[in-house]
């Protein structure tokens, strides 16, 4: 140690400071030998692949417009019939409402069975689809008693349940009706857990994405007082339309139906089952007169004719 101290003192006196000792360099680690790793993609469910891409509607197959004889669908070739005019009036009100707030998905339901909810949903969808550039999707969400596929005489499956369970792609389930703007999504294969399927995250995602390609998405759902399906769907959609039947639906049923809705999003009520003699006699007379040929006198229709 004395020798080290002596050397330091001599260095200080001479003004030269010896360099600090340098540790032996540590050899750098050799770069890792490149290896080839195979990347395995996660399996994609066929029903989720390509959902609502830019060419989605082009991938949807077309079926003939061949309604059931007892379907009571409005006829586009007879636009001045009373039911067609009433649904066009409803269409006008909904389209105006759409200009005020972002409404694209609506549930059509009723308090009880046999009040005309499917009749209203199908004809409203037909009326909307008659407008140019207004693609409309009719979805049968009544898994317990589906009827849309029967009205248009198409297969029930593949449909919505097949999509939700991952058995089919969405474009395989939706059908275009003729060359119209109307598309339908049948109920699909029968299931034992309808409410659980509607509760899936895929159902909410589907309703969120459908407005990207359809201006209107109309859901035909089970009655409010006989299943919780419509109440659930009402929370996933922009609004709800309630259908009641004259002489059948009670005020108590309407009250309980409104209370069963989880959100206050009722857009309106459709009154079904009115007789022409009660509400439409003057309307029918007006159109008979207005569209009579000039050389032929218009025949008045008795007000009491049903």
Protein backbone atom coordinates (compact mmCIF):
# COMPACT_ATOMS: atom_id res chain seq x y z
CA UNK A 1 0.00 0.00 0.00
CA UNK A 2 2.93 2.36 0.79
CA UNK A 3 4.24 1.95 -2.75
CA UNK A 4 0.84 2.88 -4.19
CA UNK A 5 0.64 5.98 -1.99
CA UNK A 6 4.16 6.99 -2.97
CA UNK A 7 3.32 6.62 -6.68
CA UNK A 8 0.20 8.78 -6.27
CA UNK A 9 2.12 11.49 -4.46
CA UNK A 10 4.79 11.55 -7.15
CA UNK A 11 2.09 11.74 -9.85
CA UNK A 12 0.41 14.67 -8.10
CA UNK A 13 3.72 16.50 -7.77
CA UNK A 14 4.52 15.96 -11.47
CA UNK A 15 0.94 16.91 -12.61
CA UNK A 16 0.34 13.59 -14.32
CA UNK A 17 -2.59 11.41 -13.17
CA UNK A 18 -2.37 7.79 -14.19
CA UNK A 19 -5.33 6.43 -16.12
CA UNK A 20 -7.95 4.52 -14.24
CA UNK A 21 -7.70 0.79 -14.55
CA UNK A 22 -10.00 -0.66 -17.17
CA UNK A 23 -11.77 -3.90 -16.51
CA UNK A 24 -11.46 -6.68 -18.98
CA UNK A 25 -14.20 -6.36 -21.60
CA UNK A 26 -17.07 -8.81 -21.28
CA UNK A 27 -17.57 -10.63 -24.55
CA UNK A 28 -20.93 -9.76 -26.13
CA UNK A 29 -23.46 -12.48 -26.17
CA UNK A 30 -23.79 -14.15 -29.49
CA UNK A 31 -26.95 -13.15 -31.36
CA UNK A 32 -29.65 -15.75 -31.11
CA UNK A 33 -29.86 -18.13 -33.97
CA UNK A 34 -32.91 -17.21 -36.03
CA UNK A 35 -35.58 -19.84 -35.92
CA UNK A 36 -38.71 -20.22 -37.98
CA UNK A 37 -41.91 -20.17 -35.92
CA UNK A 38 -45.19 -21.25 -37.44
CA UNK A 39 -48.03 -18.80 -36.68
CA UNK A 40 -51.33 -20.52 -36.07
CA UNK A 41 -54.37 -18.30 -36.58
CA UNK A 42 -57.22 -18.58 -34.13
CA UNK A 43 -60.19 -20.40 -35.59
CA UNK A 44 -62.88 -18.05 -36.84
CA UNK A 45 -66.50 -19.01 -36.47
CA UNK A 46 -68.11 -19.17 -39.92
CA UNK A 47 -70.93 -16.91 -38.75
CA UNK A 48 -68.58 -14.09 -37.74
CA UNK A 49 -66.29 -14.06 -40.77
CA UNK A 50 -66.84 -11.14 -43.10
CA UNK A 51 -69.77 -9.75 -41.12
CA UNK A 52 -71.30 -6.78 -42.96
CA UNK A 53 -68.39 -6.09 -45.26
CA UNK A 54 -68.65 -3.58 -48.10
CA UNK A 55 -70.06 -6.22 -50.44
CA UNK A 56 -72.36 -7.83 -47.89
CA UNK A 57 -75.64 -7.33 -49.78
CA UNK A 58 -74.05 -8.72 -52.93
CA UNK A 59 -73.37 -11.98 -51.09
CA UNK A 60 -77.00 -12.38 -50.01
CA UNK A 61 -79.00 -14.82 -52.11
CA UNK A 62 -82.30 -13.88 -53.72
CA UNK A 63 -85.55 -15.81 -53.44
CA UNK A 64 -88.72 -15.26 -55.48
CA UNK A 65 -91.43 -13.04 -54.06
CA UNK A 66 -94.09 -15.68 -53.59
CA UNK A 67 -96.23 -14.77 -50.58
CA UNK A 68 -98.63 -17.24 -49.05
CA UNK A 69 -102.21 -16.82 -50.35
CA UNK A 70 -103.50 -16.16 -46.82
CA UNK A 71 -100.63 -13.86 -45.80
CA UNK A 72 -102.64 -10.58 -46.10
CA UNK A 73 -99.61 -8.71 -47.39
CA UNK A 74 -100.07 -5.30 -48.95
CA UNK A 75 -99.87 -5.34 -52.72
CA UNK A 76 -97.46 -2.92 -54.37
CA UNK A 77 -99.48 -3.14 -57.61
CA UNK A 78 -102.57 -1.86 -55.75
CA UNK A 79 -101.18 1.09 -53.82
CA UNK A 80 -104.56 2.73 -53.23
CA UNK A 81 -106.09 -0.04 -51.18
CA UNK A 82 -106.89 1.04 -47.63
CA UNK A 83 -104.35 -1.18 -45.77
CA UNK A 84 -101.53 -0.11 -48.10
CA UNK A 85 -102.33 3.55 -47.54
CA UNK A 86 -102.42 3.10 -43.77
CA UNK A 87 -98.99 1.47 -43.72
CA UNK A 88 -97.60 4.20 -45.96
CA UNK A 89 -98.89 6.73 -43.45
CA UNK A 90 -97.12 4.84 -40.68
CA UNK A 91 -94.00 4.71 -42.82
CA UNK A 92 -94.10 8.46 -43.35
CA UNK A 93 -94.34 9.12 -39.62
CA UNK A 94 -91.46 6.79 -38.81
CA UNK A 95 -89.26 8.24 -41.55
CA UNK A 96 -89.94 11.73 -40.27
CA UNK A 97 -89.06 10.58 -36.76
CA UNK A 98 -85.84 9.16 -38.16
CA UNK A 99 -84.83 12.62 -39.36
CA UNK A 100 -85.11 13.90 -35.79
CA UNK A 101 -83.21 11.13 -34.00
CA UNK A 102 -81.07 8.14 -35.04
CA UNK A 103 -83.72 5.42 -35.20
CA UNK A 104 -82.95 2.37 -37.35
CA UNK A 105 -83.97 -0.70 -35.32
CA UNK A 106 -87.51 -1.13 -33.99
CA UNK A 107 -89.35 -3.92 -32.23
CA UNK A 108 -92.95 -4.65 -33.22
CA UNK A 109 -94.81 -6.48 -30.47
CA UNK A 110 -98.20 -6.74 -28.78
CA UNK A 111 -99.47 -7.35 -25.26
CA UNK A 112 -100.97 -10.78 -26.07
CA UNK A 113 -101.07 -13.28 -28.97
CA UNK A 114 -103.41 -12.94 -31.95
CA UNK A 115 -103.39 -9.15 -31.96
CA UNK A 116 -101.67 -8.70 -35.32
CA UNK A 117 -98.05 -7.93 -34.46
CA UNK A 118 -96.63 -10.08 -37.27
CA UNK A 119 -99.15 -8.67 -39.75
CA UNK A 120 -98.05 -5.15 -38.79
CA UNK A 121 -94.32 -5.92 -38.80
CA UNK A 122 -94.36 -7.60 -42.22
CA UNK A 123 -96.47 -4.95 -43.92
CA UNK A 124 -94.51 -2.10 -42.37
CA UNK A 125 -91.33 -3.67 -43.73
CA UNK A 126 -92.95 -4.03 -47.16
CA UNK A 127 -94.04 -0.39 -47.12
CA UNK A 128 -90.54 0.79 -46.22
CA UNK A 129 -88.97 -1.41 -48.89
CA UNK A 130 -91.15 0.19 -51.57
CA UNK A 131 -89.10 3.38 -51.28
CA UNK A 132 -86.14 3.59 -53.62
CA UNK A 133 -82.78 3.28 -51.92
CA UNK A 134 -84.33 2.17 -48.63
CA UNK A 135 -83.03 -1.36 -47.89
CA UNK A 136 -85.16 -2.87 -45.13
CA UNK A 137 -84.55 -6.01 -43.09
CA UNK A 138 -87.38 -7.95 -41.46
CA UNK A 139 -86.13 -10.18 -38.63
CA UNK A 140 -88.22 -12.96 -37.09
CA UNK A 141 -87.26 -12.94 -33.41
CA UNK A 142 -90.25 -15.02 -32.32
CA UNK A 143 -88.37 -18.28 -31.87
CA UNK A 144 -91.36 -19.88 -30.13
CA UNK A 145 -93.92 -19.33 -32.88
CA UNK A 146 -92.12 -18.04 -35.99
CA UNK A 147 -94.27 -17.09 -38.96
CA UNK A 148 -92.26 -14.87 -41.32
CA UNK A 149 -90.87 -17.81 -43.29
CA UNK A 150 -94.39 -19.15 -43.84
CA UNK A 151 -95.69 -15.80 -45.08
CA UNK A 152 -92.97 -15.63 -47.74
CA UNK A 153 -92.86 -19.41 -48.30
CA UNK A 154 -89.13 -19.80 -47.65
CA UNK A 155 -87.17 -22.20 -45.48
CA UNK A 156 -87.07 -21.50 -41.75
CA UNK A 157 -83.43 -22.51 -41.50
CA UNK A 158 -80.85 -21.18 -42.03
CA UNK A 159 -81.90 -18.27 -39.89
CA UNK A 160 -81.16 -16.13 -36.86
CA UNK A 161 -80.71 -18.99 -34.39
CA UNK A 162 -78.27 -20.67 -36.78
CA UNK A 163 -76.23 -17.47 -36.90
CA UNK A 164 -76.25 -16.93 -33.14
CA UNK A 165 -75.12 -20.50 -32.49
CA UNK A 166 -72.30 -20.21 -35.04
CA UNK A 167 -73.75 -22.74 -37.48
CA UNK A 168 -74.04 -20.38 -40.44
CA UNK A 169 -72.72 -17.09 -41.74
CA UNK A 170 -75.03 -14.12 -41.66
CA UNK A 171 -75.15 -13.79 -45.46
CA UNK A 172 -76.31 -17.41 -45.62
CA UNK A 173 -79.26 -16.65 -43.36
CA UNK A 174 -80.59 -13.42 -44.89
CA UNK A 175 -82.68 -13.65 -48.06
CA UNK A 176 -83.56 -10.91 -50.51
CA UNK A 177 -87.19 -10.98 -51.61
CA UNK A 178 -87.19 -10.81 -55.39
CA UNK A 179 -85.54 -7.70 -56.75
CA UNK A 180 -87.06 -5.50 -54.04
CA UNK A 181 -85.41 -3.63 -51.18
CA UNK A 182 -86.90 -6.11 -48.70
CA UNK A 183 -84.64 -8.62 -46.96
CA UNK A 184 -85.78 -11.18 -44.41
CA UNK A 185 -83.95 -13.05 -41.67
CA UNK A 186 -86.06 -16.09 -40.70
CA UNK A 187 -86.11 -17.43 -37.15
CA UNK A 188 -83.91 -20.40 -37.95
CA UNK A 189 -83.66 -23.82 -36.35
CA UNK A 190 -85.90 -24.44 -33.33
CA UNK A 191 -84.16 -23.93 -29.97
CA UNK A 192 -85.08 -24.68 -26.37
CA UNK A 193 -83.51 -21.50 -24.92
CA UNK A 194 -84.81 -18.51 -26.92
CA UNK A 195 -84.18 -15.88 -24.25
CA UNK A 196 -80.64 -17.09 -23.61
CA UNK A 197 -79.84 -16.79 -27.32
CA UNK A 198 -81.19 -13.26 -27.50
CA UNK A 199 -79.06 -12.41 -24.45
CA UNK A 200 -75.84 -13.34 -26.24
CA UNK A 201 -73.34 -10.60 -26.97
CA UNK A 202 -73.55 -11.58 -30.64
CA UNK A 203 -77.18 -10.44 -30.76
CA UNK A 204 -76.35 -6.97 -29.48
CA UNK A 205 -73.38 -6.68 -31.82
CA UNK A 206 -75.58 -7.75 -34.73
CA UNK A 207 -78.22 -5.10 -34.00
CA UNK A 208 -75.47 -2.49 -33.65
CA UNK A 209 -73.97 -3.35 -37.04
CA UNK A 210 -77.06 -3.99 -39.18
CA UNK A 211 -77.84 -0.27 -39.64
CA UNK A 212 -74.56 0.00 -41.57
CA UNK A 213 -76.29 -1.59 -44.58
CA UNK A 214 -80.02 -1.42 -43.77
CA UNK A 215 -81.88 1.82 -43.23
CA UNK A 216 -84.59 -0.01 -41.27
CA UNK A 217 -84.35 -3.20 -39.22
CA UNK A 218 -87.80 -4.35 -38.08
CA UNK A 219 -88.04 -7.12 -35.49
CA UNK A 220 -91.12 -9.29 -35.06
CA UNK A 221 -91.00 -10.41 -31.42
CA UNK A 222 -93.16 -12.51 -29.07
CA UNK A 223 -95.96 -10.83 -27.08
CA UNK A 224 -94.85 -8.83 -24.07
CA UNK A 225 -97.06 -10.52 -21.47
CA UNK A 226 -96.19 -14.09 -22.49
CA UNK A 227 -92.39 -13.93 -22.80
CA UNK A 228 -89.56 -11.66 -21.72
CA UNK A 229 -88.06 -11.65 -25.22
CA UNK A 230 -89.70 -8.42 -26.38
CA UNK A 231 -88.70 -6.57 -23.21
CA UNK A 232 -85.10 -7.61 -23.75
CA UNK A 233 -85.13 -6.70 -27.44
CA UNK A 234 -86.60 -3.29 -26.64
CA UNK A 235 -83.45 -2.47 -24.66
CA UNK A 236 -81.29 -3.36 -27.67
CA UNK A 237 -83.25 -1.39 -30.28
CA UNK A 238 -84.01 2.25 -30.97
CA UNK A 239 -87.72 1.98 -30.29
CA UNK A 240 -90.79 -0.20 -29.84
CA UNK A 241 -94.12 -0.19 -31.66
CA UNK A 242 -97.04 -1.74 -29.79
CA UNK A 243 -99.89 -3.42 -31.70
CA UNK A 244 -103.35 -3.69 -30.13
CA UNK A 245 -106.55 -5.13 -31.55
CA UNK A 246 -109.89 -3.41 -31.37
CA UNK A 247 -112.41 -5.38 -29.35
CA UNK A 248 -109.75 -7.74 -28.02
CA UNK A 249 -106.95 -5.89 -26.22
CA UNK A 250 -107.93 -4.57 -22.81
CA UNK A 251 -106.71 -1.40 -21.15
CA UNK A 252 -105.23 -3.53 -18.38
CA UNK A 253 -103.20 -5.50 -20.93
CA UNK A 254 -101.86 -2.32 -22.50
CA UNK A 255 -100.95 -0.91 -19.09
CA UNK A 256 -99.10 -4.05 -18.04
CA UNK A 257 -97.38 -4.28 -21.41
CA UNK A 258 -96.10 -0.72 -21.12
CA UNK A 259 -94.88 -1.41 -17.60
CA UNK A 260 -92.98 -4.50 -18.75
CA UNK A 261 -90.82 -2.43 -21.08
CA UNK A 262 -87.49 -1.72 -19.44
CA UNK A 263 -87.00 1.59 -21.22
CA UNK A 264 -89.36 4.38 -22.20
CA UNK A 265 -88.82 4.02 -25.95
CA UNK A 266 -92.34 3.34 -27.22
CA UNK A 267 -92.64 5.10 -30.57
CA UNK A 268 -96.37 4.55 -30.98
CA UNK A 269 -99.33 2.18 -30.99
CA UNK A 270 -100.92 0.51 -34.02
CA UNK A 271 -104.65 -0.19 -33.73
CA UNK A 272 -105.46 -3.37 -35.65
CA UNK A 273 -108.76 -4.99 -36.54
CA UNK A 274 -110.83 -1.89 -37.35
CA UNK A 275 -113.75 -2.41 -39.71
CA UNK A 276 -113.81 -0.44 -42.90
CA UNK A 277 -117.32 0.75 -42.13
CA UNK A 278 -116.12 2.20 -38.81
CA UNK A 279 -113.11 4.17 -39.98
CA UNK A 280 -112.58 3.98 -43.73
CA UNK A 281 -115.93 4.43 -45.50
CA UNK A 282 -115.22 8.06 -46.43
CA UNK A 283 -111.63 7.23 -47.39
CA UNK A 284 -112.76 4.39 -49.68
CA UNK A 285 -115.39 6.62 -51.29
CA UNK A 286 -112.79 9.33 -51.89
CA UNK A 287 -110.41 7.01 -53.74
CA UNK A 288 -113.22 5.38 -55.73
CA UNK A 289 -114.28 8.80 -56.94
CA UNK A 290 -110.82 10.20 -57.55
CA UNK A 291 -109.57 7.28 -59.61
CA UNK A 292 -112.71 6.71 -61.66
CA UNK A 293 -112.26 6.92 -65.42
CA UNK A 294 -113.47 10.23 -66.88
CA UNK A 295 -116.07 8.53 -69.05
CA UNK A 296 -117.42 6.43 -66.18
CA UNK A 297 -119.26 7.84 -63.14
CA UNK A 298 -117.82 6.86 -59.80
CA UNK A 299 -119.97 4.45 -57.85
CA UNK A 300 -120.50 5.33 -54.22
CA UNK A 301 -119.66 2.55 -51.77
CA UNK A 302 -122.20 2.19 -48.95
CA UNK A 303 -120.80 3.34 -45.65
CA UNK A 304 -121.91 0.20 -43.87
CA UNK A 305 -120.11 -2.22 -46.20
CA UNK A 306 -117.41 -4.19 -44.43
